[in-house]
Amino acid sequence: MSTNSETFCALLDAHDHAVHRFNAVPDDGRVTPEYEEALQAMGKALDRADKAVPTSWSEFARLLGHMACGGQTGIDEDNANRLILHARRLLAAPEEYRTTWDAALAEYHRLKATFDDMPSGTDGEDEANEASLDALDTLIVDTPAPDFDALLLKMDMAQERCEGITFIEEYATAIRADVERLKQGVR
């Protein structure tokens, strides 16, 4: 299993950079536009880093340290639940399916975040949306769910993707195949 996925590292590194940038803002007791901008960037980076998906135990340890601010704070309930799910996932999944799933999920999240951050009407917006939807289709149709937690996530994502339209048959077929494989214990 990879010990350093690029997407995971990029999300936590971006948060570290945002914290460093925020701490570099002069503290003269005033709330300046520079302070506000750095604070907002740090908050956005924190939210993304909290949702980073570790693909190895070393990444899990880094995420745990991030969430506990190096032991300086407690971990809130949402992050504690995320950590538990990550630990269960890392313990339960066979390496090949888990690695493939984690990479596809991370790529979808990366492309979706890129699209979500684009102001409406920006050049490349349609291409960014298409890229995130293609990554979602790859995750749902072409990437086997390594466990039931991943399968539930896949089902939720498929349902959300098909909101307001007929459920895509390829999604149903892929989900059925995952259910059958997992039900038989063939991971």
Protein backbone atom coordinates (compact mmCIF):
# COMPACT_ATOMS: atom_id res chain seq x y z
CA MET A 1 0.00 0.00 0.00
CA SER A 2 1.26 3.47 -0.80
CA THR A 3 2.66 5.35 2.15
CA ASN A 4 2.28 8.79 0.57
CA SER A 5 -0.67 9.50 -1.70
CA GLU A 6 -0.24 12.78 -3.53
CA THR A 7 -3.79 13.99 -2.89
CA PHE A 8 -3.67 13.28 0.84
CA CYS A 9 -0.31 14.98 1.24
CA ALA A 10 -1.40 17.96 -0.86
CA LEU A 11 -4.46 18.55 1.33
CA LEU A 12 -2.53 18.44 4.60
CA ASP A 13 0.39 20.41 3.15
CA ALA A 14 -2.06 23.09 1.93
CA HIS A 15 -3.42 23.39 5.47
CA ASP A 16 0.08 23.66 6.93
CA HIS A 17 0.88 26.38 4.38
CA ALA A 18 -2.35 28.27 5.19
CA VAL A 19 -1.55 28.15 8.92
CA HIS A 20 1.97 29.42 8.26
CA ARG A 21 0.57 32.22 6.07
CA PHE A 22 -1.98 33.15 8.75
CA ASN A 23 0.70 33.20 11.45
CA ALA A 24 2.84 35.47 9.27
CA VAL A 25 0.15 38.18 9.17
CA PRO A 26 1.25 41.07 11.39
CA ASP A 27 -0.62 41.09 14.69
CA ASP A 28 -1.25 44.73 15.43
CA GLY A 29 -4.65 44.20 17.04
CA ARG A 30 -6.60 45.21 13.93
CA VAL A 31 -8.70 43.02 11.69
CA THR A 32 -7.30 43.85 8.27
CA PRO A 33 -8.34 42.52 4.84
CA GLU A 34 -5.06 40.55 4.81
CA TYR A 35 -5.99 38.98 8.17
CA GLU A 36 -9.53 38.16 6.98
CA GLU A 37 -8.22 36.60 3.76
CA ALA A 38 -5.64 34.49 5.60
CA LEU A 39 -8.23 33.41 8.18
CA GLN A 40 -10.72 32.34 5.49
CA ALA A 41 -8.02 30.50 3.52
CA MET A 42 -6.94 28.70 6.69
CA GLY A 43 -10.54 27.70 7.49
CA LYS A 44 -11.10 26.35 3.98
CA ALA A 45 -7.83 24.43 4.06
CA LEU A 46 -8.69 23.05 7.52
CA ASP A 47 -12.05 21.74 6.29
CA ARG A 48 -10.44 20.02 3.30
CA ALA A 49 -7.58 18.58 5.36
CA ASP A 50 -10.05 17.20 7.93
CA LYS A 51 -11.75 15.31 5.07
CA ALA A 52 -8.53 13.94 3.57
CA VAL A 53 -8.64 10.17 3.07
CA PRO A 54 -5.55 8.37 4.38
CA THR A 55 -4.38 5.47 2.22
CA SER A 56 -1.89 4.04 4.73
CA TRP A 57 -1.30 3.91 8.46
CA SER A 58 1.42 6.55 8.22
CA GLU A 59 -1.08 8.91 6.60
CA PHE A 60 -3.63 7.97 9.26
CA ALA A 61 -1.10 8.97 11.94
CA ARG A 62 -0.48 12.29 10.17
CA LEU A 63 -4.23 12.95 9.96
CA LEU A 64 -4.64 12.11 13.65
CA GLY A 65 -1.88 14.59 14.53
CA HIS A 66 -3.48 17.20 12.29
CA MET A 67 -6.92 16.74 13.87
CA ALA A 68 -5.48 16.94 17.39
CA CYS A 69 -3.26 19.93 16.47
CA GLY A 70 -0.22 17.99 17.63
CA GLY A 71 -1.92 17.07 20.90
CA GLN A 72 -2.83 20.65 21.78
CA THR A 73 -6.58 20.20 21.35
CA GLY A 74 -9.27 17.59 21.58
CA ILE A 75 -10.80 16.02 18.49
CA ASP A 76 -14.38 17.00 17.74
CA GLU A 77 -17.06 14.35 17.27
CA ASP A 78 -17.18 14.61 13.45
CA ASN A 79 -13.43 14.12 13.14
CA ALA A 80 -13.43 11.32 15.71
CA ASN A 81 -16.08 9.53 13.65
CA ARG A 82 -14.03 10.06 10.48
CA LEU A 83 -10.95 8.62 12.17
CA ILE A 84 -12.88 5.55 13.31
CA LEU A 85 -14.19 4.97 9.79
CA HIS A 86 -10.71 5.40 8.31
CA ALA A 87 -9.28 2.92 10.82
CA ARG A 88 -12.01 0.38 10.08
CA ARG A 89 -11.44 0.82 6.36
CA LEU A 90 -7.67 0.41 6.61
CA LEU A 91 -8.04 -2.70 8.78
CA ALA A 92 -10.73 -4.41 6.73
CA ALA A 93 -9.90 -3.94 3.09
CA PRO A 94 -7.61 -6.06 0.98
CA GLU A 95 -4.75 -3.93 -0.27
CA GLU A 96 -5.51 -4.06 -4.00
CA TYR A 97 -9.17 -3.06 -3.80
CA ARG A 98 -8.51 -0.55 -1.05
CA THR A 99 -5.65 1.13 -2.92
CA THR A 100 -7.65 1.37 -6.13
CA TRP A 101 -10.76 2.65 -4.33
CA ASP A 102 -8.85 5.20 -2.27
CA ALA A 103 -7.03 6.55 -5.33
CA ALA A 104 -10.26 6.88 -7.33
CA LEU A 105 -12.09 8.49 -4.39
CA ALA A 106 -9.25 10.94 -3.76
CA GLU A 107 -9.12 11.89 -7.46
CA TYR A 108 -12.86 12.51 -7.50
CA HIS A 109 -12.63 14.70 -4.36
CA ARG A 110 -9.71 16.63 -5.85
CA LEU A 111 -11.51 17.31 -9.14
CA LYS A 112 -14.80 18.12 -7.38
CA ALA A 113 -13.01 20.60 -5.08
CA THR A 114 -11.38 22.23 -8.10
CA PHE A 115 -14.78 22.64 -9.76
CA ASP A 116 -16.48 23.81 -6.55
CA ASP A 117 -13.85 26.51 -6.04
CA MET A 118 -14.32 28.01 -9.51
CA PRO A 119 -16.45 31.13 -9.67
CA SER A 120 -19.51 30.65 -11.85
CA GLY A 121 -18.89 31.63 -15.47
CA THR A 122 -15.12 31.15 -15.24
CA ASP A 123 -13.23 29.86 -18.27
CA GLY A 124 -12.78 26.11 -17.88
CA GLU A 125 -15.76 25.71 -15.58
CA ASP A 126 -17.56 23.27 -17.92
CA GLU A 127 -14.38 21.24 -18.41
CA ALA A 128 -13.77 21.09 -14.65
CA ASN A 129 -17.35 19.93 -14.05
CA GLU A 130 -17.04 17.29 -16.77
CA ALA A 131 -13.75 16.05 -15.30
CA SER A 132 -15.30 15.68 -11.83
CA LEU A 133 -18.32 13.83 -13.24
CA ASP A 134 -16.04 11.52 -15.25
CA ALA A 135 -14.09 10.77 -12.08
CA LEU A 136 -17.36 10.06 -10.25
CA ASP A 137 -18.46 7.70 -13.04
CA THR A 138 -15.09 5.92 -12.83
CA LEU A 139 -15.47 5.55 -9.08
CA ILE A 140 -19.03 4.21 -9.28
CA VAL A 141 -18.83 2.03 -12.40
CA ASP A 142 -15.22 0.91 -12.75
CA THR A 143 -13.90 0.78 -9.17
CA PRO A 144 -14.95 -2.14 -6.97
CA ALA A 145 -16.01 -1.14 -3.46
CA PRO A 146 -13.55 -2.80 -1.06
CA ASP A 147 -16.07 -3.09 1.78
CA PHE A 148 -19.65 -2.32 2.76
CA ASP A 149 -18.81 1.19 4.00
CA ALA A 150 -17.39 2.04 0.57
CA LEU A 151 -20.40 0.43 -1.07
CA LEU A 152 -22.76 2.61 0.96
CA LEU A 153 -20.78 5.67 -0.07
CA LYS A 154 -20.91 4.53 -3.69
CA MET A 155 -24.68 4.09 -3.46
CA ASP A 156 -25.14 7.55 -1.92
CA MET A 157 -22.96 9.15 -4.59
CA ALA A 158 -24.85 7.35 -7.36
CA GLN A 159 -28.18 8.45 -5.92
CA GLU A 160 -27.00 12.05 -5.64
CA ARG A 161 -25.58 11.99 -9.18
CA CYS A 162 -28.91 10.73 -10.55
CA GLU A 163 -31.11 13.11 -8.59
CA GLY A 164 -33.87 14.32 -10.87
CA ILE A 165 -33.02 11.84 -13.66
CA THR A 166 -33.50 8.13 -14.24
CA PHE A 167 -30.99 6.03 -12.30
CA ILE A 168 -28.16 5.12 -14.65
CA GLU A 169 -28.24 1.38 -15.39
CA GLU A 170 -24.43 1.11 -15.33
CA TYR A 171 -24.50 2.33 -11.74
CA ALA A 172 -27.07 -0.27 -10.73
CA THR A 173 -25.08 -3.06 -12.41
CA ALA A 174 -21.82 -2.03 -10.71
CA ILE A 175 -23.48 -1.76 -7.31
CA ARG A 176 -25.16 -5.16 -7.74
CA ALA A 177 -21.79 -6.72 -8.60
CA ASP A 178 -20.23 -5.19 -5.47
CA VAL A 179 -23.07 -6.49 -3.29
CA GLU A 180 -22.74 -10.00 -4.71
CA ARG A 181 -18.93 -10.02 -4.32
CA LEU A 182 -19.02 -8.67 -0.76
CA LYS A 183 -21.95 -10.90 0.24
CA GLN A 184 -19.94 -13.95 -0.75
CA GLY A 185 -16.93 -12.70 1.15
CA VAL A 186 -14.88 -12.37 -2.01
CA ARG A 187 -13.00 -9.18 -1.53
